[in-house]
N, C-alpha and C. Protein backbone atom coordinates (compact mmCIF):
# COMPACT_ATOMS: atom_id res chain seq x y z
N MET A 1 11.67 -6.03 -17.37
CA MET A 1 12.46 -4.85 -17.70
C MET A 1 13.91 -5.26 -17.97
N HIS A 2 14.48 -4.72 -19.04
CA HIS A 2 15.88 -4.94 -19.37
C HIS A 2 16.59 -3.59 -19.31
N ALA A 3 17.59 -3.47 -18.45
CA ALA A 3 18.36 -2.24 -18.33
C ALA A 3 19.81 -2.57 -18.62
N ASP A 4 20.22 -2.32 -19.87
CA ASP A 4 21.54 -2.74 -20.33
C ASP A 4 21.64 -4.25 -20.17
N ASN A 5 22.51 -4.75 -19.28
CA ASN A 5 22.65 -6.20 -19.10
C ASN A 5 21.86 -6.73 -17.91
N SER A 6 21.11 -5.86 -17.21
CA SER A 6 20.35 -6.28 -16.04
C SER A 6 18.91 -6.61 -16.42
N VAL A 7 18.34 -7.58 -15.70
CA VAL A 7 16.94 -7.95 -15.87
C VAL A 7 16.25 -7.80 -14.52
N GLY A 8 15.09 -7.16 -14.50
CA GLY A 8 14.38 -6.98 -13.25
C GLY A 8 12.91 -6.77 -13.50
N THR A 9 12.19 -6.47 -12.42
CA THR A 9 10.75 -6.27 -12.45
C THR A 9 10.45 -4.88 -11.91
N ALA A 10 9.43 -4.23 -12.45
CA ALA A 10 8.98 -2.93 -11.95
C ALA A 10 7.45 -2.92 -12.00
N PHE A 11 6.84 -2.03 -11.23
CA PHE A 11 5.38 -1.92 -11.29
C PHE A 11 4.97 -0.48 -11.04
N ALA A 12 3.77 -0.13 -11.52
CA ALA A 12 3.28 1.24 -11.44
C ALA A 12 2.88 1.58 -10.01
N ILE A 13 3.33 2.77 -9.56
CA ILE A 13 3.00 3.23 -8.22
C ILE A 13 2.24 4.55 -8.25
N GLY A 14 2.23 5.22 -9.41
CA GLY A 14 1.51 6.48 -9.51
C GLY A 14 1.41 6.97 -10.94
N ILE A 15 0.46 7.88 -11.18
CA ILE A 15 0.31 8.51 -12.49
C ILE A 15 0.05 10.00 -12.26
N THR A 16 0.31 10.80 -13.29
CA THR A 16 0.05 12.23 -13.19
C THR A 16 -1.44 12.50 -13.42
N SER A 17 -1.94 13.54 -12.76
CA SER A 17 -3.33 13.93 -12.96
C SER A 17 -3.46 15.18 -13.82
N SER A 18 -2.37 15.98 -13.90
CA SER A 18 -2.44 17.25 -14.62
C SER A 18 -2.53 17.08 -16.13
N ASP A 19 -2.06 15.94 -16.66
CA ASP A 19 -2.07 15.74 -18.11
C ASP A 19 -2.85 14.49 -18.50
N GLY A 20 -3.77 14.07 -17.66
CA GLY A 20 -4.60 12.91 -17.99
C GLY A 20 -3.90 11.59 -17.82
N GLY A 21 -2.84 11.54 -17.05
CA GLY A 21 -2.17 10.27 -16.78
C GLY A 21 -1.12 9.88 -17.80
N ARG A 22 -0.57 10.85 -18.53
CA ARG A 22 0.41 10.52 -19.57
C ARG A 22 1.83 10.40 -19.04
N HIS A 23 1.99 10.45 -17.73
CA HIS A 23 3.27 10.13 -17.09
C HIS A 23 3.00 9.07 -16.02
N THR A 24 3.66 7.94 -16.15
CA THR A 24 3.50 6.85 -15.19
C THR A 24 4.78 6.71 -14.38
N MET A 25 4.64 6.56 -13.07
CA MET A 25 5.80 6.35 -12.20
C MET A 25 5.88 4.89 -11.82
N LEU A 26 7.01 4.28 -12.13
CA LEU A 26 7.27 2.89 -11.77
C LEU A 26 8.26 2.86 -10.62
N VAL A 27 8.20 1.82 -9.81
CA VAL A 27 9.18 1.61 -8.76
C VAL A 27 9.89 0.29 -9.01
N THR A 28 11.18 0.24 -8.71
CA THR A 28 11.96 -0.97 -8.87
C THR A 28 13.15 -0.90 -7.92
N ALA A 29 13.97 -1.95 -7.94
CA ALA A 29 15.20 -1.94 -7.15
C ALA A 29 16.28 -1.15 -7.89
N LEU A 30 16.97 -0.30 -7.14
CA LEU A 30 17.98 0.57 -7.76
C LEU A 30 19.06 -0.24 -8.48
N HIS A 31 19.45 -1.38 -7.94
CA HIS A 31 20.55 -2.12 -8.56
C HIS A 31 20.19 -2.63 -9.96
N VAL A 32 18.89 -2.70 -10.26
CA VAL A 32 18.47 -3.14 -11.59
C VAL A 32 18.81 -2.10 -12.65
N VAL A 33 18.72 -0.81 -12.28
CA VAL A 33 18.90 0.27 -13.27
C VAL A 33 20.20 1.06 -13.07
N GLU A 34 21.03 0.66 -12.12
CA GLU A 34 22.25 1.43 -11.84
C GLU A 34 23.15 1.59 -13.06
N ASP A 35 23.22 0.55 -13.90
CA ASP A 35 24.14 0.60 -15.04
C ASP A 35 23.69 1.55 -16.14
N VAL A 36 22.45 2.04 -16.09
CA VAL A 36 21.99 2.95 -17.14
C VAL A 36 21.87 4.39 -16.63
N LEU A 37 22.22 4.62 -15.37
CA LEU A 37 22.15 5.98 -14.84
C LEU A 37 23.23 6.86 -15.46
N GLY A 38 22.83 8.00 -15.99
CA GLY A 38 23.79 8.98 -16.49
C GLY A 38 24.49 8.59 -17.77
N ASN A 39 23.93 7.68 -18.55
CA ASN A 39 24.54 7.33 -19.82
C ASN A 39 23.44 7.00 -20.84
N ASP A 40 23.84 6.59 -22.02
CA ASP A 40 22.88 6.30 -23.09
C ASP A 40 22.65 4.81 -23.28
N LYS A 41 22.96 4.02 -22.27
CA LYS A 41 22.73 2.58 -22.40
C LYS A 41 21.23 2.30 -22.44
N PRO A 42 20.83 1.24 -23.15
CA PRO A 42 19.39 1.02 -23.38
C PRO A 42 18.65 0.51 -22.15
N ILE A 43 17.36 0.88 -22.07
CA ILE A 43 16.45 0.31 -21.09
C ILE A 43 15.15 -0.02 -21.83
N GLU A 44 14.67 -1.24 -21.66
CA GLU A 44 13.47 -1.69 -22.34
C GLU A 44 12.44 -2.13 -21.30
N LEU A 45 11.25 -1.54 -21.40
CA LEU A 45 10.16 -1.84 -20.48
C LEU A 45 9.10 -2.64 -21.23
N ILE A 46 8.69 -3.76 -20.63
CA ILE A 46 7.71 -4.64 -21.27
C ILE A 46 6.58 -4.91 -20.28
N LYS A 47 5.32 -4.66 -20.70
CA LYS A 47 4.18 -4.91 -19.84
C LYS A 47 3.94 -6.41 -19.70
N SER A 48 3.09 -6.76 -18.72
CA SER A 48 2.83 -8.17 -18.47
C SER A 48 2.15 -8.87 -19.64
N ASP A 49 1.48 -8.09 -20.51
CA ASP A 49 0.84 -8.70 -21.69
C ASP A 49 1.78 -8.80 -22.88
N GLY A 50 3.05 -8.43 -22.70
CA GLY A 50 4.03 -8.51 -23.77
C GLY A 50 4.22 -7.23 -24.56
N THR A 51 3.40 -6.21 -24.30
CA THR A 51 3.53 -4.94 -25.00
C THR A 51 4.85 -4.27 -24.62
N VAL A 52 5.58 -3.81 -25.62
CA VAL A 52 6.85 -3.13 -25.37
C VAL A 52 6.55 -1.65 -25.10
N ILE A 53 6.66 -1.24 -23.84
CA ILE A 53 6.34 0.13 -23.47
C ILE A 53 7.29 1.11 -24.13
N SER A 54 8.53 0.69 -24.32
CA SER A 54 9.53 1.59 -24.90
C SER A 54 9.10 2.13 -26.26
N LYS A 55 8.24 1.41 -26.98
CA LYS A 55 7.81 1.84 -28.31
C LYS A 55 6.77 2.96 -28.26
N VAL A 56 6.13 3.16 -27.11
CA VAL A 56 5.10 4.20 -27.01
C VAL A 56 5.55 5.35 -26.10
N VAL A 57 6.83 5.34 -25.72
CA VAL A 57 7.35 6.41 -24.88
C VAL A 57 7.42 7.71 -25.67
N ASP A 58 6.99 8.80 -25.05
CA ASP A 58 6.98 10.11 -25.70
C ASP A 58 7.92 11.05 -24.93
N GLY A 59 9.20 10.92 -25.16
CA GLY A 59 10.19 11.71 -24.45
C GLY A 59 11.20 10.82 -23.75
N PHE A 60 11.93 11.39 -22.82
CA PHE A 60 12.99 10.66 -22.14
C PHE A 60 12.50 10.08 -20.81
N LEU A 61 12.93 8.86 -20.54
CA LEU A 61 12.68 8.27 -19.23
C LEU A 61 13.52 9.02 -18.19
N LYS A 62 12.97 9.20 -17.00
CA LYS A 62 13.71 9.79 -15.90
C LYS A 62 13.82 8.77 -14.77
N ILE A 63 15.03 8.58 -14.26
CA ILE A 63 15.24 7.63 -13.17
C ILE A 63 15.66 8.41 -11.93
N TYR A 64 14.95 8.17 -10.83
CA TYR A 64 15.23 8.86 -9.58
C TYR A 64 15.68 7.86 -8.52
N PRO A 65 16.96 7.81 -8.17
CA PRO A 65 17.37 7.01 -7.01
C PRO A 65 16.87 7.73 -5.75
N ILE A 66 16.16 7.03 -4.89
CA ILE A 66 15.61 7.66 -3.69
C ILE A 66 15.87 6.80 -2.46
N GLY A 67 15.84 7.43 -1.30
CA GLY A 67 16.00 6.71 -0.05
C GLY A 67 17.43 6.34 0.25
N PRO A 68 17.68 5.77 1.45
CA PRO A 68 19.03 5.35 1.83
C PRO A 68 19.48 4.12 1.04
N PRO A 69 20.78 3.87 0.98
CA PRO A 69 21.29 2.73 0.19
C PRO A 69 20.68 1.39 0.59
N GLU A 70 20.37 1.21 1.88
CA GLU A 70 19.83 -0.07 2.34
C GLU A 70 18.47 -0.39 1.71
N CYS A 71 17.78 0.65 1.25
CA CYS A 71 16.44 0.45 0.68
C CYS A 71 16.47 0.19 -0.82
N ASP A 72 17.62 0.45 -1.48
CA ASP A 72 17.84 0.02 -2.87
C ASP A 72 16.67 0.40 -3.79
N THR A 73 16.27 1.67 -3.77
CA THR A 73 15.02 2.08 -4.42
C THR A 73 15.27 3.05 -5.56
N ALA A 74 14.54 2.84 -6.65
CA ALA A 74 14.56 3.78 -7.78
C ALA A 74 13.16 3.94 -8.34
N LEU A 75 12.85 5.16 -8.76
CA LEU A 75 11.61 5.44 -9.48
C LEU A 75 11.95 5.68 -10.94
N ILE A 76 11.07 5.24 -11.83
CA ILE A 76 11.23 5.46 -13.26
C ILE A 76 10.00 6.20 -13.77
N GLU A 77 10.21 7.43 -14.25
CA GLU A 77 9.10 8.21 -14.81
C GLU A 77 9.02 7.96 -16.30
N VAL A 78 7.86 7.48 -16.76
CA VAL A 78 7.68 7.08 -18.15
C VAL A 78 6.64 7.98 -18.82
N PRO A 79 7.06 8.87 -19.74
CA PRO A 79 6.09 9.70 -20.48
C PRO A 79 5.58 8.96 -21.72
N THR A 80 4.28 8.98 -21.92
CA THR A 80 3.69 8.30 -23.08
C THR A 80 2.63 9.19 -23.72
N LYS A 81 2.35 8.95 -25.01
CA LYS A 81 1.35 9.74 -25.71
C LYS A 81 -0.05 9.47 -25.19
N GLN A 82 -0.30 8.22 -24.80
CA GLN A 82 -1.56 7.83 -24.20
C GLN A 82 -1.29 7.21 -22.84
N PRO A 83 -2.22 7.36 -21.87
CA PRO A 83 -1.99 6.79 -20.54
C PRO A 83 -1.76 5.28 -20.59
N LEU A 84 -0.78 4.83 -19.82
CA LEU A 84 -0.55 3.38 -19.70
C LEU A 84 -1.57 2.74 -18.77
N TYR A 85 -1.95 3.47 -17.72
CA TYR A 85 -2.85 2.94 -16.71
C TYR A 85 -3.82 4.04 -16.27
N GLY A 86 -4.99 3.62 -15.83
CA GLY A 86 -5.92 4.53 -15.19
C GLY A 86 -5.77 4.44 -13.68
N GLU A 87 -6.39 5.36 -12.97
CA GLU A 87 -6.28 5.37 -11.51
C GLU A 87 -6.75 4.05 -10.90
N ALA A 88 -7.80 3.48 -11.48
CA ALA A 88 -8.37 2.25 -10.93
C ALA A 88 -7.43 1.06 -11.09
N SER A 89 -6.45 1.18 -12.01
CA SER A 89 -5.52 0.08 -12.24
C SER A 89 -4.38 0.05 -11.23
N LEU A 90 -4.16 1.17 -10.52
CA LEU A 90 -3.07 1.21 -9.56
C LEU A 90 -3.42 0.39 -8.33
N MET A 91 -2.45 -0.35 -7.85
CA MET A 91 -2.69 -1.22 -6.71
C MET A 91 -2.70 -0.40 -5.42
N PRO A 92 -3.65 -0.68 -4.50
CA PRO A 92 -3.67 0.05 -3.24
C PRO A 92 -2.45 -0.27 -2.40
N MET A 93 -2.01 0.70 -1.60
CA MET A 93 -0.83 0.50 -0.76
C MET A 93 -1.14 0.95 0.66
N PRO A 94 -0.39 0.44 1.64
CA PRO A 94 -0.63 0.83 3.03
C PRO A 94 -0.12 2.25 3.28
N LEU A 95 -0.63 2.86 4.33
CA LEU A 95 -0.20 4.21 4.67
C LEU A 95 0.80 4.23 5.81
N LYS A 96 0.70 3.32 6.77
CA LYS A 96 1.56 3.42 7.95
C LYS A 96 2.17 2.10 8.39
N THR A 97 1.37 1.09 8.58
CA THR A 97 1.78 -0.07 9.37
C THR A 97 2.75 -0.99 8.64
N MET A 98 3.58 -1.65 9.44
CA MET A 98 4.45 -2.73 8.96
C MET A 98 3.79 -4.06 9.33
N LEU A 99 4.00 -5.08 8.51
CA LEU A 99 3.49 -6.41 8.85
C LEU A 99 4.25 -6.95 10.06
N PRO A 100 3.55 -7.63 10.97
CA PRO A 100 4.25 -8.20 12.14
C PRO A 100 5.07 -9.43 11.76
N ARG A 101 6.00 -9.78 12.60
CA ARG A 101 6.81 -10.99 12.40
C ARG A 101 5.89 -12.21 12.32
N GLY A 102 6.23 -13.12 11.43
CA GLY A 102 5.43 -14.32 11.25
C GLY A 102 4.33 -14.19 10.23
N SER A 103 4.10 -12.98 9.71
CA SER A 103 3.02 -12.78 8.73
C SER A 103 3.37 -13.42 7.39
N PRO A 104 2.39 -14.08 6.75
CA PRO A 104 2.63 -14.56 5.39
C PRO A 104 2.79 -13.39 4.43
N ILE A 105 3.60 -13.59 3.42
CA ILE A 105 3.83 -12.55 2.42
C ILE A 105 4.12 -13.23 1.09
N GLY A 106 3.63 -12.65 0.02
CA GLY A 106 3.87 -13.19 -1.32
C GLY A 106 4.51 -12.13 -2.20
N TRP A 107 5.10 -12.57 -3.30
CA TRP A 107 5.70 -11.61 -4.24
C TRP A 107 5.71 -12.20 -5.64
N LEU A 108 5.78 -11.30 -6.62
CA LEU A 108 5.75 -11.66 -8.03
C LEU A 108 6.98 -11.10 -8.73
N GLY A 109 7.35 -11.74 -9.82
CA GLY A 109 8.46 -11.22 -10.61
C GLY A 109 8.70 -12.06 -11.84
N TYR A 110 9.64 -11.63 -12.64
CA TYR A 110 9.97 -12.30 -13.90
C TYR A 110 11.40 -12.83 -13.82
N PRO A 111 11.57 -14.06 -13.33
CA PRO A 111 12.93 -14.62 -13.23
C PRO A 111 13.59 -14.72 -14.60
N GLY A 112 14.85 -14.36 -14.66
CA GLY A 112 15.57 -14.44 -15.92
C GLY A 112 15.62 -15.85 -16.49
N LEU A 113 15.46 -16.86 -15.62
CA LEU A 113 15.55 -18.24 -16.08
C LEU A 113 14.36 -18.66 -16.92
N VAL A 114 13.19 -18.04 -16.69
CA VAL A 114 11.98 -18.50 -17.37
C VAL A 114 11.24 -17.36 -18.07
N LEU A 115 11.96 -16.30 -18.47
CA LEU A 115 11.31 -15.22 -19.19
C LEU A 115 10.57 -15.75 -20.41
N PRO A 116 9.36 -15.25 -20.74
CA PRO A 116 8.66 -14.12 -20.10
C PRO A 116 7.62 -14.56 -19.08
N GLU A 117 7.83 -15.64 -18.39
CA GLU A 117 6.83 -16.18 -17.47
C GLU A 117 6.82 -15.44 -16.13
N LEU A 118 5.65 -14.92 -15.72
CA LEU A 118 5.50 -14.31 -14.41
C LEU A 118 5.40 -15.41 -13.37
N CYS A 119 6.19 -15.30 -12.31
CA CYS A 119 6.23 -16.35 -11.29
C CYS A 119 5.80 -15.79 -9.93
N PHE A 120 5.18 -16.66 -9.13
CA PHE A 120 4.69 -16.31 -7.80
C PHE A 120 5.55 -17.00 -6.75
N PHE A 121 5.83 -16.28 -5.65
CA PHE A 121 6.62 -16.81 -4.55
C PHE A 121 5.91 -16.48 -3.24
N GLN A 122 6.23 -17.22 -2.19
CA GLN A 122 5.65 -16.89 -0.89
C GLN A 122 6.60 -17.26 0.24
N GLY A 123 6.43 -16.60 1.38
CA GLY A 123 7.25 -16.85 2.54
C GLY A 123 6.63 -16.19 3.76
N VAL A 124 7.42 -15.93 4.77
CA VAL A 124 6.93 -15.26 5.97
C VAL A 124 7.91 -14.16 6.38
N VAL A 125 7.38 -13.17 7.07
CA VAL A 125 8.22 -12.10 7.60
C VAL A 125 8.99 -12.65 8.80
N SER A 126 10.30 -12.74 8.67
CA SER A 126 11.13 -13.23 9.77
C SER A 126 11.41 -12.13 10.78
N GLY A 127 11.54 -10.90 10.31
CA GLY A 127 11.84 -9.77 11.19
C GLY A 127 12.04 -8.55 10.34
N TYR A 128 12.57 -7.51 10.96
CA TYR A 128 12.84 -6.31 10.20
C TYR A 128 13.86 -5.45 10.90
N SER A 129 14.49 -4.60 10.11
CA SER A 129 15.42 -3.62 10.63
C SER A 129 14.62 -2.38 11.04
N GLU A 130 15.08 -1.69 12.06
CA GLU A 130 14.37 -0.50 12.50
C GLU A 130 14.78 0.74 11.72
N THR A 131 16.09 0.86 11.42
CA THR A 131 16.60 2.06 10.75
C THR A 131 17.54 1.67 9.62
N PRO A 132 17.09 1.76 8.36
CA PRO A 132 15.73 2.07 7.96
C PRO A 132 14.83 0.86 8.14
N PRO A 133 13.51 1.05 8.18
CA PRO A 133 12.61 -0.08 8.38
C PRO A 133 12.44 -0.92 7.12
N ILE A 134 13.17 -2.01 7.03
CA ILE A 134 13.06 -2.93 5.90
C ILE A 134 12.72 -4.31 6.43
N TYR A 135 12.01 -5.11 5.62
CA TYR A 135 11.61 -6.46 6.00
C TYR A 135 12.73 -7.46 5.72
N PHE A 136 12.89 -8.43 6.62
CA PHE A 136 13.67 -9.62 6.35
C PHE A 136 12.68 -10.78 6.20
N VAL A 137 12.71 -11.43 5.04
CA VAL A 137 11.70 -12.43 4.71
C VAL A 137 12.36 -13.80 4.48
N ASP A 138 11.74 -14.82 5.05
CA ASP A 138 12.16 -16.20 4.81
C ASP A 138 11.58 -16.62 3.46
N GLY A 139 12.36 -16.39 2.41
CA GLY A 139 11.90 -16.68 1.06
C GLY A 139 13.03 -16.43 0.08
N VAL A 140 12.78 -16.76 -1.18
CA VAL A 140 13.84 -16.72 -2.17
C VAL A 140 13.63 -15.57 -3.15
N ALA A 141 14.73 -14.97 -3.59
CA ALA A 141 14.71 -13.98 -4.67
C ALA A 141 15.83 -14.35 -5.63
N ILE A 142 15.49 -14.46 -6.90
CA ILE A 142 16.50 -14.81 -7.89
C ILE A 142 16.55 -13.72 -8.96
N ASN A 143 17.54 -13.81 -9.82
CA ASN A 143 17.75 -12.82 -10.85
C ASN A 143 16.47 -12.57 -11.66
N GLY A 144 16.10 -11.31 -11.79
CA GLY A 144 14.91 -10.94 -12.54
C GLY A 144 13.72 -10.59 -11.67
N VAL A 145 13.70 -11.09 -10.43
CA VAL A 145 12.57 -10.83 -9.53
C VAL A 145 12.76 -9.51 -8.78
N SER A 146 13.99 -9.00 -8.72
CA SER A 146 14.25 -7.74 -8.03
C SER A 146 13.33 -6.64 -8.56
N GLY A 147 12.70 -5.91 -7.62
CA GLY A 147 11.77 -4.85 -8.00
C GLY A 147 10.33 -5.30 -8.06
N GLY A 148 10.08 -6.60 -7.94
CA GLY A 148 8.71 -7.12 -8.02
C GLY A 148 7.89 -6.77 -6.80
N PRO A 149 6.55 -6.66 -6.94
CA PRO A 149 5.70 -6.28 -5.82
C PRO A 149 5.55 -7.41 -4.80
N ALA A 150 5.50 -7.02 -3.52
CA ALA A 150 5.24 -7.95 -2.42
C ALA A 150 3.92 -7.55 -1.77
N PHE A 151 3.12 -8.52 -1.37
CA PHE A 151 1.77 -8.22 -0.88
C PHE A 151 1.39 -9.12 0.28
N ASP A 152 0.44 -8.63 1.09
CA ASP A 152 -0.04 -9.40 2.23
C ASP A 152 -1.17 -10.34 1.78
N PRO A 153 -1.71 -11.18 2.67
CA PRO A 153 -2.75 -12.14 2.25
C PRO A 153 -4.02 -11.50 1.68
N SER A 154 -4.27 -10.23 2.00
CA SER A 154 -5.46 -9.57 1.46
C SER A 154 -5.24 -9.00 0.07
N GLY A 155 -3.99 -9.04 -0.42
CA GLY A 155 -3.67 -8.49 -1.73
C GLY A 155 -3.15 -7.08 -1.68
N LEU A 156 -3.00 -6.51 -0.49
CA LEU A 156 -2.46 -5.16 -0.34
C LEU A 156 -0.96 -5.18 -0.63
N VAL A 157 -0.50 -4.32 -1.54
CA VAL A 157 0.92 -4.28 -1.88
C VAL A 157 1.67 -3.55 -0.77
N VAL A 158 2.59 -4.26 -0.13
CA VAL A 158 3.28 -3.71 1.04
C VAL A 158 4.74 -3.35 0.78
N GLY A 159 5.29 -3.74 -0.36
CA GLY A 159 6.69 -3.44 -0.63
C GLY A 159 7.14 -4.01 -1.95
N PHE A 160 8.45 -4.00 -2.16
CA PHE A 160 9.01 -4.60 -3.37
C PHE A 160 10.29 -5.35 -3.01
N VAL A 161 10.62 -6.32 -3.84
CA VAL A 161 11.80 -7.16 -3.62
C VAL A 161 13.06 -6.35 -3.88
N SER A 162 13.94 -6.32 -2.89
CA SER A 162 15.17 -5.54 -3.02
C SER A 162 16.38 -6.44 -3.30
N SER A 163 16.68 -7.35 -2.39
CA SER A 163 17.88 -8.17 -2.56
C SER A 163 17.76 -9.45 -1.73
N TYR A 164 18.78 -10.26 -1.81
CA TYR A 164 18.81 -11.53 -1.09
C TYR A 164 20.12 -11.62 -0.31
N LEU A 165 20.01 -12.03 0.96
CA LEU A 165 21.19 -12.19 1.81
C LEU A 165 21.48 -13.67 1.99
N PRO A 166 22.45 -14.22 1.27
CA PRO A 166 22.77 -15.63 1.43
C PRO A 166 23.44 -15.91 2.77
N ASN A 167 23.24 -17.10 3.27
CA ASN A 167 23.84 -17.52 4.54
C ASN A 167 25.10 -18.33 4.21
N ARG A 168 26.23 -17.66 4.19
CA ARG A 168 27.48 -18.32 3.83
C ARG A 168 28.17 -18.83 5.09
N VAL A 169 28.20 -20.16 5.23
CA VAL A 169 28.85 -20.75 6.41
C VAL A 169 30.32 -21.01 6.16
N ARG A 170 30.66 -21.21 4.89
CA ARG A 170 32.07 -21.34 4.50
C ARG A 170 32.23 -20.72 3.13
N GLN A 171 33.46 -20.58 2.69
CA GLN A 171 33.72 -19.99 1.37
C GLN A 171 33.00 -20.74 0.26
N ASP A 172 32.90 -22.07 0.39
CA ASP A 172 32.34 -22.89 -0.67
C ASP A 172 30.94 -23.40 -0.35
N THR A 173 30.32 -22.93 0.71
CA THR A 173 29.00 -23.44 1.11
C THR A 173 28.05 -22.29 1.37
N THR A 174 26.87 -22.35 0.74
CA THR A 174 25.84 -21.34 0.94
C THR A 174 24.54 -22.02 1.32
N LEU A 175 23.95 -21.62 2.44
CA LEU A 175 22.67 -22.13 2.90
C LEU A 175 21.59 -21.09 2.61
N PRO A 176 20.30 -21.50 2.67
CA PRO A 176 19.23 -20.52 2.45
C PRO A 176 19.36 -19.32 3.38
N GLY A 177 19.14 -18.13 2.84
CA GLY A 177 19.28 -16.91 3.61
C GLY A 177 17.96 -16.18 3.75
N LEU A 178 18.01 -14.87 3.76
CA LEU A 178 16.83 -14.04 3.91
C LEU A 178 16.75 -13.02 2.77
N MET A 179 15.52 -12.73 2.38
CA MET A 179 15.28 -11.74 1.35
C MET A 179 14.96 -10.40 2.01
N ILE A 180 15.36 -9.31 1.37
CA ILE A 180 15.03 -7.97 1.85
C ILE A 180 13.90 -7.39 0.99
N ILE A 181 12.87 -6.89 1.67
CA ILE A 181 11.77 -6.20 1.00
C ILE A 181 11.68 -4.79 1.55
N THR A 182 11.68 -3.81 0.66
CA THR A 182 11.54 -2.41 1.05
C THR A 182 10.07 -2.07 1.15
N PRO A 183 9.60 -1.52 2.28
CA PRO A 183 8.18 -1.18 2.44
C PRO A 183 7.73 -0.09 1.47
N LEU A 184 6.55 -0.26 0.93
CA LEU A 184 6.04 0.71 -0.04
C LEU A 184 5.62 2.02 0.63
N ASN A 185 5.29 1.97 1.93
CA ASN A 185 4.92 3.23 2.57
C ASN A 185 6.10 4.19 2.64
N LEU A 186 7.34 3.65 2.69
CA LEU A 186 8.51 4.52 2.62
C LEU A 186 8.61 5.19 1.25
N VAL A 187 8.39 4.40 0.20
CA VAL A 187 8.46 4.94 -1.16
C VAL A 187 7.43 6.05 -1.33
N ARG A 188 6.24 5.84 -0.81
CA ARG A 188 5.20 6.86 -0.88
C ARG A 188 5.65 8.17 -0.22
N LEU A 189 6.25 8.05 0.96
CA LEU A 189 6.72 9.25 1.66
C LEU A 189 7.80 9.97 0.87
N TRP A 190 8.73 9.22 0.27
CA TRP A 190 9.79 9.85 -0.53
C TRP A 190 9.20 10.55 -1.74
N MET A 191 8.18 9.96 -2.36
CA MET A 191 7.54 10.60 -3.51
C MET A 191 6.86 11.89 -3.09
N GLN A 192 6.26 11.90 -1.92
CA GLN A 192 5.61 13.11 -1.43
C GLN A 192 6.64 14.20 -1.12
N GLU A 193 7.73 13.81 -0.46
CA GLU A 193 8.72 14.80 -0.02
C GLU A 193 9.57 15.33 -1.17
N LEU A 194 9.99 14.45 -2.07
CA LEU A 194 10.93 14.85 -3.11
C LEU A 194 10.25 15.30 -4.40
N LEU A 195 9.10 14.71 -4.71
CA LEU A 195 8.46 14.99 -6.00
C LEU A 195 7.12 15.70 -5.88
N GLY A 196 6.68 15.93 -4.64
CA GLY A 196 5.40 16.61 -4.46
C GLY A 196 4.20 15.76 -4.81
N ALA A 197 4.33 14.43 -4.76
CA ALA A 197 3.22 13.54 -5.08
C ALA A 197 2.12 13.66 -4.03
N GLN A 198 0.90 13.39 -4.46
CA GLN A 198 -0.24 13.42 -3.56
C GLN A 198 -0.89 12.04 -3.48
N VAL A 199 -1.34 11.70 -2.28
CA VAL A 199 -2.03 10.43 -2.08
C VAL A 199 -3.49 10.61 -2.39
N LYS A 200 -4.05 9.70 -3.19
CA LYS A 200 -5.48 9.74 -3.47
C LYS A 200 -6.13 8.55 -2.78
N PHE A 201 -7.03 8.84 -1.86
CA PHE A 201 -7.66 7.79 -1.07
C PHE A 201 -8.82 7.19 -1.85
N ARG A 202 -8.97 5.87 -1.68
CA ARG A 202 -10.11 5.18 -2.28
C ARG A 202 -11.16 4.90 -1.22
N GLU A 203 -12.42 5.07 -1.60
CA GLU A 203 -13.49 4.75 -0.67
C GLU A 203 -13.62 3.24 -0.58
N SER A 204 -13.78 2.73 0.65
CA SER A 204 -13.97 1.30 0.81
C SER A 204 -15.37 0.92 0.35
N THR A 205 -15.48 -0.29 -0.20
CA THR A 205 -16.79 -0.74 -0.72
C THR A 205 -17.30 -1.89 0.10
């Protein structure tokens, strides 16, 4: 995704049912789209197969900043003439639980250094903040990966990449720090409370 001069990653978190799925809701990090809020600056959405979503948009994109500032969250509503995704294409998400400390976690994104290559990263949950509940992860996040999905070893999407906290020991020295991941169950709750979204449960097979 290109939002004016920013590069980031977004992924589908929901679709409308009333019109056959012709509105797709994406989630990303708010800082990726902040520069296009309330103005006419360009935003370009590109699917993982290289398809330019912006060319099939039917109407105006809507961007919803949601949650507290620490969660750095934005939703992007994308209207299209034909559905971008079916229900079966949406990734399952957790309803309640947070991953415990020490849990392995992986994430995907499109680093600006190697566009258009999708890259995989992995690390462990070092800890988390209680209010709001965000993950601190021993892992790296670089430009372009913000907004990318984070998942547990089973493939369940548990959050998205928000930001990186460098460990600055001196003005001229930076050591590896911690990455912040916003839990997806929070995003689900905000969608329910603010937008009236409904959760559709999948039967286990």
